[in-house]
Amino acid sequence: MPFHCTASGKMFLKAAELEASTEKSITDRNALLDEITKVRDQGFAIDEGEFMDDMVALAVPILGPQRRLMATLSFHAPSQRFDSKKALEHLPDLRIASAELSSLLEP
């Protein structure tokens, strides 16, 4: 069940602590909502040291029937080798792979 539209789910969301993993972690609820909107609009998410210092990550959705999120396809790399610009160079390939995986979930 989706957390945002069930009574129990809303309790989990309300109780979720936004604890910092690094100095770059998003811990403000409004900032997180803004980030979620941005991710939805652009169709991918990027992490620039928010979870682990000196790491960059890029993720795209794998969609199932009715275009619902079923999983994600992502990679992580040390920021000494990859910055966000270089990570985004791989976005087209991730999107192609994501589309191929999504097609396997169609009825």
C-alpha atoms as a PDB file:
ATOM      1  CA  MET A   1       0.000   0.000   0.000  1.00  0.00           C
ATOM      2  CA  PRO A   2       1.227   3.514  -0.714  1.00  0.00           C
ATOM      3  CA  PHE A   3       2.259   5.267   2.494  1.00  0.00           C
ATOM      4  CA  HIS A   4       0.835   8.635   1.509  1.00  0.00           C
ATOM      5  CA  CYS A   5      -2.781   7.482   1.215  1.00  0.00           C
ATOM      6  CA  THR A   6      -3.252   5.009   4.054  1.00  0.00           C
ATOM      7  CA  ALA A   7      -3.787   5.781   7.718  1.00  0.00           C
ATOM      8  CA  SER A   8      -0.925   3.509   8.768  1.00  0.00           C
ATOM      9  CA  GLY A   9       1.330   4.810   6.023  1.00  0.00           C
ATOM     10  CA  LYS A  10       0.754   8.390   7.094  1.00  0.00           C
ATOM     11  CA  MET A  11       1.829   7.439  10.600  1.00  0.00           C
ATOM     12  CA  PHE A  12       5.085   5.974   9.233  1.00  0.00           C
ATOM     13  CA  LEU A  13       5.738   9.101   7.172  1.00  0.00           C
ATOM     14  CA  LYS A  14       4.951  11.354  10.129  1.00  0.00           C
ATOM     15  CA  ALA A  15       7.260   9.389  12.404  1.00  0.00           C
ATOM     16  CA  ALA A  16      10.131   9.123   9.932  1.00  0.00           C
ATOM     17  CA  GLU A  17      13.200  10.884  11.258  1.00  0.00           C
ATOM     18  CA  LEU A  18      15.255  12.719   8.671  1.00  0.00           C
ATOM     19  CA  GLU A  19      18.607  11.984  10.241  1.00  0.00           C
ATOM     20  CA  ALA A  20      21.718  13.202   8.465  1.00  0.00           C
ATOM     21  CA  SER A  21      24.106  10.581   7.111  1.00  0.00           C
ATOM     22  CA  THR A  22      26.488  13.310   5.917  1.00  0.00           C
ATOM     23  CA  GLU A  23      26.617  17.092   5.992  1.00  0.00           C
ATOM     24  CA  LYS A  24      24.876  17.086   2.589  1.00  0.00           C
ATOM     25  CA  SER A  25      21.883  14.964   3.705  1.00  0.00           C
ATOM     26  CA  ILE A  26      18.458  16.533   3.331  1.00  0.00           C
ATOM     27  CA  THR A  27      16.958  16.799   6.804  1.00  0.00           C
ATOM     28  CA  ASP A  28      14.327  19.476   6.247  1.00  0.00           C
ATOM     29  CA  ARG A  29      10.903  18.077   5.301  1.00  0.00           C
ATOM     30  CA  ASN A  30      10.078  20.933   2.920  1.00  0.00           C
ATOM     31  CA  ALA A  31      13.446  20.604   1.197  1.00  0.00           C
ATOM     32  CA  LEU A  32      12.812  16.858   0.850  1.00  0.00           C
ATOM     33  CA  LEU A  33       9.371  17.500  -0.679  1.00  0.00           C
ATOM     34  CA  ASP A  34      11.007  19.922  -3.129  1.00  0.00           C
ATOM     35  CA  GLU A  35      13.605  17.260  -4.013  1.00  0.00           C
ATOM     36  CA  ILE A  36      10.887  14.631  -4.535  1.00  0.00           C
ATOM     37  CA  THR A  37       9.038  17.002  -6.875  1.00  0.00           C
ATOM     38  CA  LYS A  38      12.268  17.626  -8.799  1.00  0.00           C
ATOM     39  CA  VAL A  39      12.935  13.862  -9.081  1.00  0.00           C
ATOM     40  CA  ARG A  40       9.393  13.240 -10.321  1.00  0.00           C
ATOM     41  CA  ASP A  41       9.664  16.021 -12.907  1.00  0.00           C
ATOM     42  CA  GLN A  42      13.085  15.017 -14.277  1.00  0.00           C
ATOM     43  CA  GLY A  43      12.552  11.255 -14.092  1.00  0.00           C
ATOM     44  CA  PHE A  44      15.793  10.461 -12.269  1.00  0.00           C
ATOM     45  CA  ALA A  45      17.463  11.043  -8.919  1.00  0.00           C
ATOM     46  CA  ILE A  46      21.025  11.959  -8.090  1.00  0.00           C
ATOM     47  CA  ASP A  47      22.858  11.745  -4.768  1.00  0.00           C
ATOM     48  CA  GLU A  48      25.956  13.890  -4.385  1.00  0.00           C
ATOM     49  CA  GLY A  49      27.349  12.794  -1.047  1.00  0.00           C
ATOM     50  CA  GLU A  50      24.002  12.803   0.777  1.00  0.00           C
ATOM     51  CA  PHE A  51      24.278   9.204   1.964  1.00  0.00           C
ATOM     52  CA  MET A  52      28.035   8.670   1.969  1.00  0.00           C
ATOM     53  CA  ASP A  53      30.740  11.296   1.794  1.00  0.00           C
ATOM     54  CA  ASP A  54      32.701  11.270  -1.456  1.00  0.00           C
ATOM     55  CA  MET A  55      30.123   9.178  -3.357  1.00  0.00           C
ATOM     56  CA  VAL A  56      27.838  10.035  -6.242  1.00  0.00           C
ATOM     57  CA  ALA A  57      24.803   7.980  -7.278  1.00  0.00           C
ATOM     58  CA  LEU A  58      22.312   8.122 -10.117  1.00  0.00           C
ATOM     59  CA  ALA A  59      18.990   6.235 -10.203  1.00  0.00           C
ATOM     60  CA  VAL A  60      16.155   5.775 -12.688  1.00  0.00           C
ATOM     61  CA  PRO A  61      12.804   4.081 -12.160  1.00  0.00           C
ATOM     62  CA  ILE A  62      11.788   0.624 -13.313  1.00  0.00           C
ATOM     63  CA  LEU A  63       8.070   0.832 -13.923  1.00  0.00           C
ATOM     64  CA  GLY A  64       5.578  -1.996 -13.806  1.00  0.00           C
ATOM     65  CA  PRO A  65       1.990  -2.230 -14.970  1.00  0.00           C
ATOM     66  CA  GLN A  66       0.076   1.058 -14.822  1.00  0.00           C
ATOM     67  CA  ARG A  67       3.513   2.757 -14.792  1.00  0.00           C
ATOM     68  CA  ARG A  68       3.903   2.187 -11.055  1.00  0.00           C
ATOM     69  CA  LEU A  69       7.375   2.216  -9.551  1.00  0.00           C
ATOM     70  CA  MET A  70       8.495  -1.374  -8.988  1.00  0.00           C
ATOM     71  CA  ALA A  71      12.245  -0.918  -8.494  1.00  0.00           C
ATOM     72  CA  THR A  72      15.135   1.336  -9.406  1.00  0.00           C
ATOM     73  CA  LEU A  73      18.261   0.924 -11.469  1.00  0.00           C
ATOM     74  CA  SER A  74      21.214   2.832 -10.095  1.00  0.00           C
ATOM     75  CA  PHE A  75      24.947   3.065  -9.785  1.00  0.00           C
ATOM     76  CA  HIS A  76      27.282   4.527  -7.194  1.00  0.00           C
ATOM     77  CA  ALA A  77      30.818   5.742  -7.756  1.00  0.00           C
ATOM     78  CA  PRO A  78      33.486   7.495  -5.706  1.00  0.00           C
ATOM     79  CA  SER A  79      33.429  11.235  -6.335  1.00  0.00           C
ATOM     80  CA  GLN A  80      37.185  11.089  -6.983  1.00  0.00           C
ATOM     81  CA  ARG A  81      36.316   9.275 -10.251  1.00  0.00           C
ATOM     82  CA  PHE A  82      32.819  10.633 -10.985  1.00  0.00           C
ATOM     83  CA  ASP A  83      31.159  13.965 -10.405  1.00  0.00           C
ATOM     84  CA  SER A  84      27.459  14.540 -11.060  1.00  0.00           C
ATOM     85  CA  LYS A  85      28.150  15.819 -14.590  1.00  0.00           C
ATOM     86  CA  LYS A  86      30.004  12.630 -15.516  1.00  0.00           C
ATOM     87  CA  ALA A  87      27.337  10.500 -13.826  1.00  0.00           C
ATOM     88  CA  LEU A  88      24.638  12.200 -15.912  1.00  0.00           C
ATOM     89  CA  GLU A  89      26.501  11.215 -19.084  1.00  0.00           C
ATOM     90  CA  HIS A  90      25.296   7.668 -18.307  1.00  0.00           C
ATOM     91  CA  LEU A  91      21.641   8.693 -17.906  1.00  0.00           C
ATOM     92  CA  PRO A  92      20.632   7.745 -21.489  1.00  0.00           C
ATOM     93  CA  ASP A  93      22.033   4.210 -21.072  1.00  0.00           C
ATOM     94  CA  LEU A  94      20.341   3.803 -17.682  1.00  0.00           C
ATOM     95  CA  ARG A  95      17.033   4.933 -19.180  1.00  0.00           C
ATOM     96  CA  ILE A  96      17.343   2.430 -22.030  1.00  0.00           C
ATOM     97  CA  ALA A  97      18.115  -0.398 -19.597  1.00  0.00           C
ATOM     98  CA  SER A  98      15.275   0.723 -17.334  1.00  0.00           C
ATOM     99  CA  ALA A  99      12.816   0.666 -20.236  1.00  0.00           C
ATOM    100  CA  GLU A 100      13.955  -2.835 -21.196  1.00  0.00           C
ATOM    101  CA  LEU A 101      13.537  -4.063 -17.608  1.00  0.00           C
ATOM    102  CA  SER A 102      10.149  -2.342 -17.341  1.00  0.00           C
ATOM    103  CA  SER A 103       8.980  -4.114 -20.492  1.00  0.00           C
ATOM    104  CA  LEU A 104       9.657  -7.464 -18.794  1.00  0.00           C
ATOM    105  CA  LEU A 105       7.081  -6.562 -16.128  1.00  0.00           C
ATOM    106  CA  GLU A 106       4.266  -5.932 -18.605  1.00  0.00           C
ATOM    107  CA  PRO A 107       1.473  -8.516 -18.589  1.00  0.00           C
END
